[in-house]
Structure formats: structure tokens, C-alpha cells
């Protein structure tokens, strides 16, 4: 596959309107066209972008960017940061490029088509301050694959397993660079195993669906070569008891707030 970045102006057209739906993230700051029949991003990538503590001048890689939700949310929040989204699917790349254009972020968000198992040479090696990722949540040998191939690729591990995603992040990051990830809480043992020997200074942020309900998702921050003790934070409660977003969640999801650790 070509690793040539394609500006939004050259992006292939998205499918006809009846085949996609427009979502608006961060109170309208990000426009996200997504296919009706395929995988559609929800709030996980927004939280991922919020916990990625980039600053102006940082170069960030969003591995498996899909339609660009996390990449665009980060760029919208952090003026001066540049984001490269790597995505294997050509159709997803087309959506991501169009979304960058519609969100006014094409100048700082670039989408590269390619496979993390064989990264495009244009990415280089060791050139990113931060890598963020939302890998498929389900093990390849422990889940039935959805009939839609886009949903299958987004939800179930394919040729690239969790260890491959982490190895890729290690390869792309500068020394002492930071990895951020959103994943299922019940895969914590797999996550820790994949990080071992490559990343440390681990910070875990449980996402509680509502008060009194166990976490199904967690955010993770780890430093390449880090040596500090691991920390488990108090986490964030997404919904109040009445089902609405909590004040902390609304600050992230609507107001583009950083999820400070």
C-alpha cells in the first residue's frame, strides 16, 4: 500500500448521502461522517484524545484512526499539535480525510493508508512524541466476527494482535514518548503483558458507566522506557444515576476538556 499522505482536497468522495450519517463531536467542533452500515465511533475515541496530553508542537500518531474521531478531537483541542492517522482501510481513509476537511483541520491532520504490521516508510521511526490507539477489543480466537468486514476489523483482532499494536507504538515513539490507549477493562492482563519490557510509568483510568457499576472500559497512559510505579486513578464516571452525562464527562465530551491525571 502507498504511504503517501493525501491532502483532503485530493480525497476520494465519500459514498452517497443515504449511506452515511453525520455526527458532531465536541459540541460541533468536529464533524464526523460515518457509514451507516459499517463501524461507527462513539465516545471512546473522544476520551482517548482527552487523555492524550499533547501540547503545541507535539507530533502525534493515531494508530488505526478509522474515520478520524480521536485524531480530529485531539487536533481540535490542542492548537499547534499535528496528528498523523494511520489506517489500513482505503474507505475509512476517505472518510477521515473528508472529516478533517469539514472540521477545518486538514492542515494539521494527515491520513496515511497503511498497515501497522508493515508501516509505510513515510512514517519514519522514532519520530512521534505520542502515539494513541483504540485497538480492536476482542481477541481473534475468542469472538465471532461480525458479517460486516469494517465492523469486524474494528471490533475483533485480525493479523495484528494487541502485542503487535504495542510493538508498533514502541517503534514509532521517540525515547520517553507516551502511549495512550482505550481498551476493555477485562483485558487488563493482556495489556500489561504487552507493555512489559517496553513501557512503564503506567497510569490507569477506569471509565465507570455510572455510579455503582463496574468499569467496562479503561484508559491507559504509559511512557516508553518509564520506570515510575504504576498508578490507578479514581477514574471518571460517564453517566449520572439519571442517565445523563456527568459534569466531568460533559467537560470532555462537549467542552473539549483535557482529562488531567
C-alpha atoms as a PDB file:
ATOM      1  CA  UNK A   1       0.000   0.000   0.000  1.00  0.00           C
ATOM      2  CA  UNK A   2       1.116   3.549  -0.643  1.00  0.00           C
ATOM      3  CA  UNK A   3       2.126   5.531   2.385  1.00  0.00           C
ATOM      4  CA  UNK A   4       1.748   8.869   0.597  1.00  0.00           C
ATOM      5  CA  UNK A   5      -0.260  11.366   2.667  1.00  0.00           C
ATOM      6  CA  UNK A   6      -3.230  12.609   0.646  1.00  0.00           C
ATOM      7  CA  UNK A   7      -4.482  16.157   1.344  1.00  0.00           C
ATOM      8  CA  UNK A   8      -8.201  16.481   1.904  1.00  0.00           C
ATOM      9  CA  UNK A   9      -8.603  18.298  -1.412  1.00  0.00           C
ATOM     10  CA  UNK A  10      -7.486  15.130  -3.220  1.00  0.00           C
ATOM     11  CA  UNK A  11      -9.538  12.778  -1.084  1.00  0.00           C
ATOM     12  CA  UNK A  12     -11.878  10.386  -2.873  1.00  0.00           C
ATOM     13  CA  UNK A  13     -15.547  11.295  -2.480  1.00  0.00           C
ATOM     14  CA  UNK A  14     -17.459   9.662   0.330  1.00  0.00           C
ATOM     15  CA  UNK A  15     -20.396   7.364  -0.553  1.00  0.00           C
ATOM     16  CA  UNK A  16     -23.832   8.810  -1.428  1.00  0.00           C
ATOM     17  CA  UNK A  17     -25.640  10.607   1.462  1.00  0.00           C
ATOM     18  CA  UNK A  18     -28.067   7.763   2.131  1.00  0.00           C
ATOM     19  CA  UNK A  19     -25.090   5.564   3.038  1.00  0.00           C
ATOM     20  CA  UNK A  20     -23.576   7.749   5.724  1.00  0.00           C
ATOM     21  CA  UNK A  21     -24.545   9.718   8.793  1.00  0.00           C
ATOM     22  CA  UNK A  22     -23.054  12.926  10.168  1.00  0.00           C
ATOM     23  CA  UNK A  23     -22.140  13.070  13.860  1.00  0.00           C
ATOM     24  CA  UNK A  24     -20.850  16.186  15.603  1.00  0.00           C
ATOM     25  CA  UNK A  25     -18.309  15.850  18.395  1.00  0.00           C
ATOM     26  CA  UNK A  26     -17.060  18.388  20.935  1.00  0.00           C
ATOM     27  CA  UNK A  27     -20.217  20.474  20.642  1.00  0.00           C
ATOM     28  CA  UNK A  28     -19.843  20.768  16.877  1.00  0.00           C
ATOM     29  CA  UNK A  29     -16.124  21.465  16.648  1.00  0.00           C
ATOM     30  CA  UNK A  30     -15.591  18.128  14.873  1.00  0.00           C
ATOM     31  CA  UNK A  31     -17.750  16.851  12.017  1.00  0.00           C
ATOM     32  CA  UNK A  32     -17.632  13.087  11.652  1.00  0.00           C
ATOM     33  CA  UNK A  33     -19.177  11.461   8.601  1.00  0.00           C
ATOM     34  CA  UNK A  34     -19.509   7.720   9.260  1.00  0.00           C
ATOM     35  CA  UNK A  35     -21.004   4.882   7.211  1.00  0.00           C
ATOM     36  CA  UNK A  36     -24.433   3.703   8.253  1.00  0.00           C
ATOM     37  CA  UNK A  37     -23.646   0.057   7.637  1.00  0.00           C
ATOM     38  CA  UNK A  38     -20.085  -0.119   8.971  1.00  0.00           C
ATOM     39  CA  UNK A  39     -18.371   0.565  12.256  1.00  0.00           C
ATOM     40  CA  UNK A  40     -19.260   3.902  13.842  1.00  0.00           C
ATOM     41  CA  UNK A  41     -17.136   5.517  16.534  1.00  0.00           C
ATOM     42  CA  UNK A  42     -18.848   6.509  19.782  1.00  0.00           C
ATOM     43  CA  UNK A  43     -17.372   8.221  22.845  1.00  0.00           C
ATOM     44  CA  UNK A  44     -14.297   6.017  23.397  1.00  0.00           C
ATOM     45  CA  UNK A  45     -12.060   7.892  20.925  1.00  0.00           C
ATOM     46  CA  UNK A  46     -13.141  11.222  22.417  1.00  0.00           C
ATOM     47  CA  UNK A  47     -11.937  10.091  25.843  1.00  0.00           C
ATOM     48  CA  UNK A  48      -8.760   8.737  24.236  1.00  0.00           C
ATOM     49  CA  UNK A  49      -7.995  12.140  22.730  1.00  0.00           C
ATOM     50  CA  UNK A  50      -8.755  13.831  26.057  1.00  0.00           C
ATOM     51  CA  UNK A  51      -6.262  11.703  27.996  1.00  0.00           C
ATOM     52  CA  UNK A  52      -3.535  12.279  25.389  1.00  0.00           C
ATOM     53  CA  UNK A  53      -1.791  15.238  26.994  1.00  0.00           C
ATOM     54  CA  UNK A  54      -0.302  16.730  23.841  1.00  0.00           C
ATOM     55  CA  UNK A  55       0.953  20.294  23.729  1.00  0.00           C
ATOM     56  CA  UNK A  56       1.595  22.721  20.883  1.00  0.00           C
ATOM     57  CA  UNK A  57       4.441  21.450  18.727  1.00  0.00           C
ATOM     58  CA  UNK A  58       3.866  17.774  19.506  1.00  0.00           C
ATOM     59  CA  UNK A  59       3.683  15.251  16.695  1.00  0.00           C
ATOM     60  CA  UNK A  60       1.054  12.613  17.459  1.00  0.00           C
ATOM     61  CA  UNK A  61       0.276   9.325  15.704  1.00  0.00           C
ATOM     62  CA  UNK A  62      -3.249   7.897  15.863  1.00  0.00           C
ATOM     63  CA  UNK A  63      -2.879   4.190  15.044  1.00  0.00           C
ATOM     64  CA  UNK A  64      -5.974   2.711  13.416  1.00  0.00           C
ATOM     65  CA  UNK A  65      -7.589   6.103  13.022  1.00  0.00           C
ATOM     66  CA  UNK A  66     -10.756   4.828  11.303  1.00  0.00           C
ATOM     67  CA  UNK A  67     -12.874   7.816  10.302  1.00  0.00           C
ATOM     68  CA  UNK A  68     -10.597  10.095  12.326  1.00  0.00           C
ATOM     69  CA  UNK A  69     -12.545  10.684  15.550  1.00  0.00           C
ATOM     70  CA  UNK A  70      -9.644  10.630  18.028  1.00  0.00           C
ATOM     71  CA  UNK A  71      -7.226  12.422  15.701  1.00  0.00           C
ATOM     72  CA  UNK A  72      -9.673  15.239  15.000  1.00  0.00           C
ATOM     73  CA  UNK A  73     -10.717  15.647  18.635  1.00  0.00           C
ATOM     74  CA  UNK A  74      -7.085  15.969  19.690  1.00  0.00           C
ATOM     75  CA  UNK A  75      -6.287  18.481  16.959  1.00  0.00           C
ATOM     76  CA  UNK A  76      -9.400  20.493  17.833  1.00  0.00           C
ATOM     77  CA  UNK A  77      -8.380  20.632  21.491  1.00  0.00           C
ATOM     78  CA  UNK A  78      -4.640  21.267  21.135  1.00  0.00           C
ATOM     79  CA  UNK A  79      -3.820  24.124  18.787  1.00  0.00           C
ATOM     80  CA  UNK A  80      -0.345  23.677  17.323  1.00  0.00           C
ATOM     81  CA  UNK A  81      -0.234  19.884  17.611  1.00  0.00           C
ATOM     82  CA  UNK A  82      -0.043  17.893  14.371  1.00  0.00           C
ATOM     83  CA  UNK A  83      -1.637  14.458  14.061  1.00  0.00           C
ATOM     84  CA  UNK A  84      -0.983  11.638  11.615  1.00  0.00           C
ATOM     85  CA  UNK A  85      -3.687   9.000  11.376  1.00  0.00           C
ATOM     86  CA  UNK A  86      -2.654   5.557  10.126  1.00  0.00           C
ATOM     87  CA  UNK A  87      -5.485   3.463   8.707  1.00  0.00           C
ATOM     88  CA  UNK A  88      -5.461   0.208   6.753  1.00  0.00           C
ATOM     89  CA  UNK A  89      -8.845   0.586   5.030  1.00  0.00           C
ATOM     90  CA  UNK A  90      -8.995   2.836   1.980  1.00  0.00           C
ATOM     91  CA  UNK A  91     -12.692   3.614   2.531  1.00  0.00           C
ATOM     92  CA  UNK A  92     -12.061   4.647   6.127  1.00  0.00           C
ATOM     93  CA  UNK A  93      -9.181   6.843   4.965  1.00  0.00           C
ATOM     94  CA  UNK A  94     -11.535   8.614   2.562  1.00  0.00           C
ATOM     95  CA  UNK A  95     -13.953   9.363   5.393  1.00  0.00           C
ATOM     96  CA  UNK A  96     -11.138  10.544   7.696  1.00  0.00           C
ATOM     97  CA  UNK A  97      -9.722  12.924   5.096  1.00  0.00           C
ATOM     98  CA  UNK A  98     -13.129  14.374   4.325  1.00  0.00           C
ATOM     99  CA  UNK A  99     -13.836  14.760   8.050  1.00  0.00           C
ATOM    100  CA  UNK A 100     -10.561  16.632   8.538  1.00  0.00           C
ATOM    101  CA  UNK A 101     -11.578  18.999   5.739  1.00  0.00           C
ATOM    102  CA  UNK A 102     -15.116  19.511   7.076  1.00  0.00           C
ATOM    103  CA  UNK A 103     -13.764  20.159  10.584  1.00  0.00           C
ATOM    104  CA  UNK A 104     -11.275  22.761   9.348  1.00  0.00           C
ATOM    105  CA  UNK A 105      -8.351  20.633  10.480  1.00  0.00           C
ATOM    106  CA  UNK A 106      -6.891  19.367   7.209  1.00  0.00           C
ATOM    107  CA  UNK A 107      -3.805  21.497   7.755  1.00  0.00           C
ATOM    108  CA  UNK A 108      -2.896  19.655  10.952  1.00  0.00           C
ATOM    109  CA  UNK A 109      -4.378  16.184  10.484  1.00  0.00           C
ATOM    110  CA  UNK A 110      -2.892  13.938   7.807  1.00  0.00           C
ATOM    111  CA  UNK A 111      -4.219  10.470   6.985  1.00  0.00           C
ATOM    112  CA  UNK A 112      -1.859   7.753   5.748  1.00  0.00           C
ATOM    113  CA  UNK A 113      -3.102   4.480   4.324  1.00  0.00           C
ATOM    114  CA  UNK A 114      -1.086   1.525   5.573  1.00  0.00           C
ATOM    115  CA  UNK A 115      -0.713  -1.486   7.840  1.00  0.00           C
ATOM    116  CA  UNK A 116       0.925  -1.264  11.263  1.00  0.00           C
ATOM    117  CA  UNK A 117       2.457  -4.711  10.642  1.00  0.00           C
ATOM    118  CA  UNK A 118       4.304  -3.215   7.665  1.00  0.00           C
ATOM    119  CA  UNK A 119       4.324   0.533   8.322  1.00  0.00           C
ATOM    120  CA  UNK A 120       4.678   2.934   5.387  1.00  0.00           C
ATOM    121  CA  UNK A 121       8.185   4.308   5.129  1.00  0.00           C
ATOM    122  CA  UNK A 122       6.776   7.836   5.217  1.00  0.00           C
ATOM    123  CA  UNK A 123       6.017   7.419   8.918  1.00  0.00           C
ATOM    124  CA  UNK A 124       9.676   7.037   9.731  1.00  0.00           C
ATOM    125  CA  UNK A 125      10.727   5.537  13.012  1.00  0.00           C
ATOM    126  CA  UNK A 126      11.002   7.146  16.424  1.00  0.00           C
ATOM    127  CA  UNK A 127       9.610  10.457  15.226  1.00  0.00           C
ATOM    128  CA  UNK A 128       6.456  10.852  17.327  1.00  0.00           C
ATOM    129  CA  UNK A 129       6.056  12.443  20.743  1.00  0.00           C
ATOM    130  CA  UNK A 130       2.857  10.495  21.392  1.00  0.00           C
ATOM    131  CA  UNK A 131       1.025   7.509  19.967  1.00  0.00           C
ATOM    132  CA  UNK A 132      -2.652   6.954  20.736  1.00  0.00           C
ATOM    133  CA  UNK A 133      -4.698   3.908  19.818  1.00  0.00           C
ATOM    134  CA  UNK A 134      -8.100   2.256  20.108  1.00  0.00           C
ATOM    135  CA  UNK A 135      -7.254  -1.354  19.124  1.00  0.00           C
ATOM    136  CA  UNK A 136      -9.907  -3.987  18.406  1.00  0.00           C
ATOM    137  CA  UNK A 137     -11.326  -5.002  21.773  1.00  0.00           C
ATOM    138  CA  UNK A 138     -11.912  -8.720  21.163  1.00  0.00           C
ATOM    139  CA  UNK A 139      -9.336 -11.488  20.788  1.00  0.00           C
ATOM    140  CA  UNK A 140      -9.272 -13.142  17.381  1.00  0.00           C
ATOM    141  CA  UNK A 141      -9.768 -16.612  18.867  1.00  0.00           C
ATOM    142  CA  UNK A 142     -12.435 -15.630  21.403  1.00  0.00           C
ATOM    143  CA  UNK A 143     -15.106 -13.880  19.362  1.00  0.00           C
ATOM    144  CA  UNK A 144     -17.339 -14.375  16.350  1.00  0.00           C
ATOM    145  CA  UNK A 145     -16.558 -11.927  13.585  1.00  0.00           C
ATOM    146  CA  UNK A 146     -19.450  -9.659  12.520  1.00  0.00           C
ATOM    147  CA  UNK A 147     -20.551 -10.193   8.905  1.00  0.00           C
ATOM    148  CA  UNK A 148     -19.684  -6.592   8.023  1.00  0.00           C
ATOM    149  CA  UNK A 149     -15.935  -6.560   7.386  1.00  0.00           C
ATOM    150  CA  UNK A 150     -15.498  -2.970   8.639  1.00  0.00           C
ATOM    151  CA  UNK A 151     -17.165  -3.792  11.944  1.00  0.00           C
ATOM    152  CA  UNK A 152     -15.152  -6.995  12.134  1.00  0.00           C
ATOM    153  CA  UNK A 153     -11.858  -5.173  11.626  1.00  0.00           C
ATOM    154  CA  UNK A 154     -12.768  -2.572  14.251  1.00  0.00           C
ATOM    155  CA  UNK A 155     -14.005  -4.990  16.901  1.00  0.00           C
ATOM    156  CA  UNK A 156     -12.042  -8.233  16.525  1.00  0.00           C
ATOM    157  CA  UNK A 157      -8.266  -8.610  16.268  1.00  0.00           C
ATOM    158  CA  UNK A 158      -7.047  -9.668  12.851  1.00  0.00           C
ATOM    159  CA  UNK A 159      -3.471 -10.402  11.833  1.00  0.00           C
ATOM    160  CA  UNK A 160      -2.285  -7.678  14.212  1.00  0.00           C
ATOM    161  CA  UNK A 161      -2.730  -8.732  17.832  1.00  0.00           C
ATOM    162  CA  UNK A 162      -2.527  -6.461  20.878  1.00  0.00           C
ATOM    163  CA  UNK A 163       1.198  -7.171  21.262  1.00  0.00           C
ATOM    164  CA  UNK A 164       1.717  -6.007  17.665  1.00  0.00           C
ATOM    165  CA  UNK A 165      -0.098  -2.732  18.339  1.00  0.00           C
ATOM    166  CA  UNK A 166       2.125  -2.048  21.355  1.00  0.00           C
ATOM    167  CA  UNK A 167       5.276  -3.060  19.481  1.00  0.00           C
ATOM    168  CA  UNK A 168       4.301  -0.646  16.709  1.00  0.00           C
ATOM    169  CA  UNK A 169       3.866   2.190  19.212  1.00  0.00           C
ATOM    170  CA  UNK A 170       7.302   1.454  20.659  1.00  0.00           C
ATOM    171  CA  UNK A 171       8.776   1.608  17.168  1.00  0.00           C
ATOM    172  CA  UNK A 172       7.135   4.939  16.303  1.00  0.00           C
ATOM    173  CA  UNK A 173       7.772   6.809  19.565  1.00  0.00           C
ATOM    174  CA  UNK A 174      10.735   8.963  20.457  1.00  0.00           C
ATOM    175  CA  UNK A 175      12.677   7.935  23.574  1.00  0.00           C
ATOM    176  CA  UNK A 176      10.483   8.633  26.615  1.00  0.00           C
ATOM    177  CA  UNK A 177       7.493   9.141  24.308  1.00  0.00           C
ATOM    178  CA  UNK A 178       3.989   8.433  25.584  1.00  0.00           C
ATOM    179  CA  UNK A 179       1.447   5.801  24.587  1.00  0.00           C
ATOM    180  CA  UNK A 180      -2.261   6.299  25.307  1.00  0.00           C
ATOM    181  CA  UNK A 181      -4.874   3.617  24.746  1.00  0.00           C
ATOM    182  CA  UNK A 182      -8.543   2.910  25.349  1.00  0.00           C
ATOM    183  CA  UNK A 183      -9.489  -0.738  25.786  1.00  0.00           C
ATOM    184  CA  UNK A 184     -11.780  -3.151  27.596  1.00  0.00           C
ATOM    185  CA  UNK A 185     -11.197  -3.364  31.329  1.00  0.00           C
ATOM    186  CA  UNK A 186     -11.399  -7.161  31.262  1.00  0.00           C
ATOM    187  CA  UNK A 187      -8.285  -7.317  29.075  1.00  0.00           C
ATOM    188  CA  UNK A 188      -6.020  -5.678  31.630  1.00  0.00           C
ATOM    189  CA  UNK A 189      -3.821  -8.779  31.957  1.00  0.00           C
ATOM    190  CA  UNK A 190      -3.252  -8.865  28.191  1.00  0.00           C
ATOM    191  CA  UNK A 191      -2.478  -5.148  28.169  1.00  0.00           C
ATOM    192  CA  UNK A 192       0.049  -5.408  30.985  1.00  0.00           C
ATOM    193  CA  UNK A 193       1.697  -8.368  29.282  1.00  0.00           C
ATOM    194  CA  UNK A 194       2.004  -6.477  26.005  1.00  0.00           C
ATOM    195  CA  UNK A 195       3.551  -3.445  27.738  1.00  0.00           C
ATOM    196  CA  UNK A 196       6.089  -5.404  29.761  1.00  0.00           C
ATOM    197  CA  UNK A 197       9.669  -4.658  28.819  1.00  0.00           C
ATOM    198  CA  UNK A 198       8.760  -1.725  26.588  1.00  0.00           C
ATOM    199  CA  UNK A 199       6.629   0.700  28.599  1.00  0.00           C
ATOM    200  CA  UNK A 200       6.388   1.737  32.226  1.00  0.00           C
ATOM    201  CA  UNK A 201       5.198   4.611  34.446  1.00  0.00           C
ATOM    202  CA  UNK A 202       1.718   3.244  33.838  1.00  0.00           C
ATOM    203  CA  UNK A 203      -1.406   5.232  34.723  1.00  0.00           C
ATOM    204  CA  UNK A 204      -4.812   3.514  34.544  1.00  0.00           C
ATOM    205  CA  UNK A 205      -8.056   5.479  34.356  1.00  0.00           C
ATOM    206  CA  UNK A 206     -11.237   3.385  34.785  1.00  0.00           C
ATOM    207  CA  UNK A 207     -14.327   4.662  32.983  1.00  0.00           C
ATOM    208  CA  UNK A 208     -17.302   3.893  35.245  1.00  0.00           C
ATOM    209  CA  UNK A 209     -20.557   3.742  33.193  1.00  0.00           C
ATOM    210  CA  UNK A 210     -22.500   5.189  36.170  1.00  0.00           C
ATOM    211  CA  UNK A 211     -22.237   5.171  39.978  1.00  0.00           C
ATOM    212  CA  UNK A 212     -22.010   1.682  41.439  1.00  0.00           C
ATOM    213  CA  UNK A 213     -21.395  -0.081  38.108  1.00  0.00           C
ATOM    214  CA  UNK A 214     -18.072  -1.760  37.389  1.00  0.00           C
ATOM    215  CA  UNK A 215     -15.849  -0.326  34.679  1.00  0.00           C
ATOM    216  CA  UNK A 216     -16.061  -1.897  31.237  1.00  0.00           C
ATOM    217  CA  UNK A 217     -13.552   0.476  29.636  1.00  0.00           C
ATOM    218  CA  UNK A 218     -10.277   1.915  30.797  1.00  0.00           C
ATOM    219  CA  UNK A 219      -7.837   4.495  29.569  1.00  0.00           C
ATOM    220  CA  UNK A 220      -4.143   3.823  29.849  1.00  0.00           C
ATOM    221  CA  UNK A 221      -1.125   6.112  29.721  1.00  0.00           C
ATOM    222  CA  UNK A 222       2.387   4.629  29.608  1.00  0.00           C
ATOM    223  CA  UNK A 223       5.846   6.006  28.908  1.00  0.00           C
ATOM    224  CA  UNK A 224       8.385   4.333  26.645  1.00  0.00           C
ATOM    225  CA  UNK A 225      11.131   3.096  28.961  1.00  0.00           C
ATOM    226  CA  UNK A 226       9.347   4.560  32.001  1.00  0.00           C
ATOM    227  CA  UNK A 227      10.369   3.374  35.465  1.00  0.00           C
ATOM    228  CA  UNK A 228       7.924   5.134  37.814  1.00  0.00           C
ATOM    229  CA  UNK A 229       5.465   2.993  39.834  1.00  0.00           C
ATOM    230  CA  UNK A 230       2.087   2.279  38.270  1.00  0.00           C
ATOM    231  CA  UNK A 231      -0.915   4.353  39.365  1.00  0.00           C
ATOM    232  CA  UNK A 232      -4.624   3.530  39.414  1.00  0.00           C
ATOM    233  CA  UNK A 233      -6.613   6.767  39.396  1.00  0.00           C
ATOM    234  CA  UNK A 234     -10.083   7.402  40.741  1.00  0.00           C
ATOM    235  CA  UNK A 235     -11.274   7.286  37.137  1.00  0.00           C
ATOM    236  CA  UNK A 236     -14.234   9.055  35.593  1.00  0.00           C
ATOM    237  CA  UNK A 237     -17.943   8.324  35.916  1.00  0.00           C
ATOM    238  CA  UNK A 238     -19.520   8.757  32.494  1.00  0.00           C
ATOM    239  CA  UNK A 239     -23.239   8.968  33.404  1.00  0.00           C
ATOM    240  CA  UNK A 240     -25.112  10.196  36.438  1.00  0.00           C
ATOM    241  CA  UNK A 241     -27.707   7.957  38.050  1.00  0.00           C
ATOM    242  CA  UNK A 242     -30.410   9.564  35.877  1.00  0.00           C
ATOM    243  CA  UNK A 243     -28.572   8.558  32.685  1.00  0.00           C
ATOM    244  CA  UNK A 244     -27.269  11.976  31.643  1.00  0.00           C
ATOM    245  CA  UNK A 245     -23.591  12.718  31.256  1.00  0.00           C
ATOM    246  CA  UNK A 246     -21.787  13.552  34.477  1.00  0.00           C
ATOM    247  CA  UNK A 247     -20.256  17.018  34.770  1.00  0.00           C
ATOM    248  CA  UNK A 248     -16.768  15.511  34.383  1.00  0.00           C
ATOM    249  CA  UNK A 249     -17.769  13.590  31.259  1.00  0.00           C
ATOM    250  CA  UNK A 250     -19.545  16.585  29.729  1.00  0.00           C
ATOM    251  CA  UNK A 251     -16.432  18.707  30.198  1.00  0.00           C
ATOM    252  CA  UNK A 252     -14.572  16.205  27.989  1.00  0.00           C
ATOM    253  CA  UNK A 253     -17.286  15.244  25.504  1.00  0.00           C
ATOM    254  CA  UNK A 254     -18.839  18.668  24.928  1.00  0.00           C
ATOM    255  CA  UNK A 255     -16.304  21.235  26.079  1.00  0.00           C
ATOM    256  CA  UNK A 256     -13.151  19.588  24.670  1.00  0.00           C
ATOM    257  CA  UNK A 257     -11.599  19.441  28.109  1.00  0.00           C
ATOM    258  CA  UNK A 258      -8.381  17.550  28.810  1.00  0.00           C
ATOM    259  CA  UNK A 259      -8.709  14.544  31.092  1.00  0.00           C
ATOM    260  CA  UNK A 260      -5.992  15.513  33.549  1.00  0.00           C
ATOM    261  CA  UNK A 261      -4.310  12.740  35.546  1.00  0.00           C
END
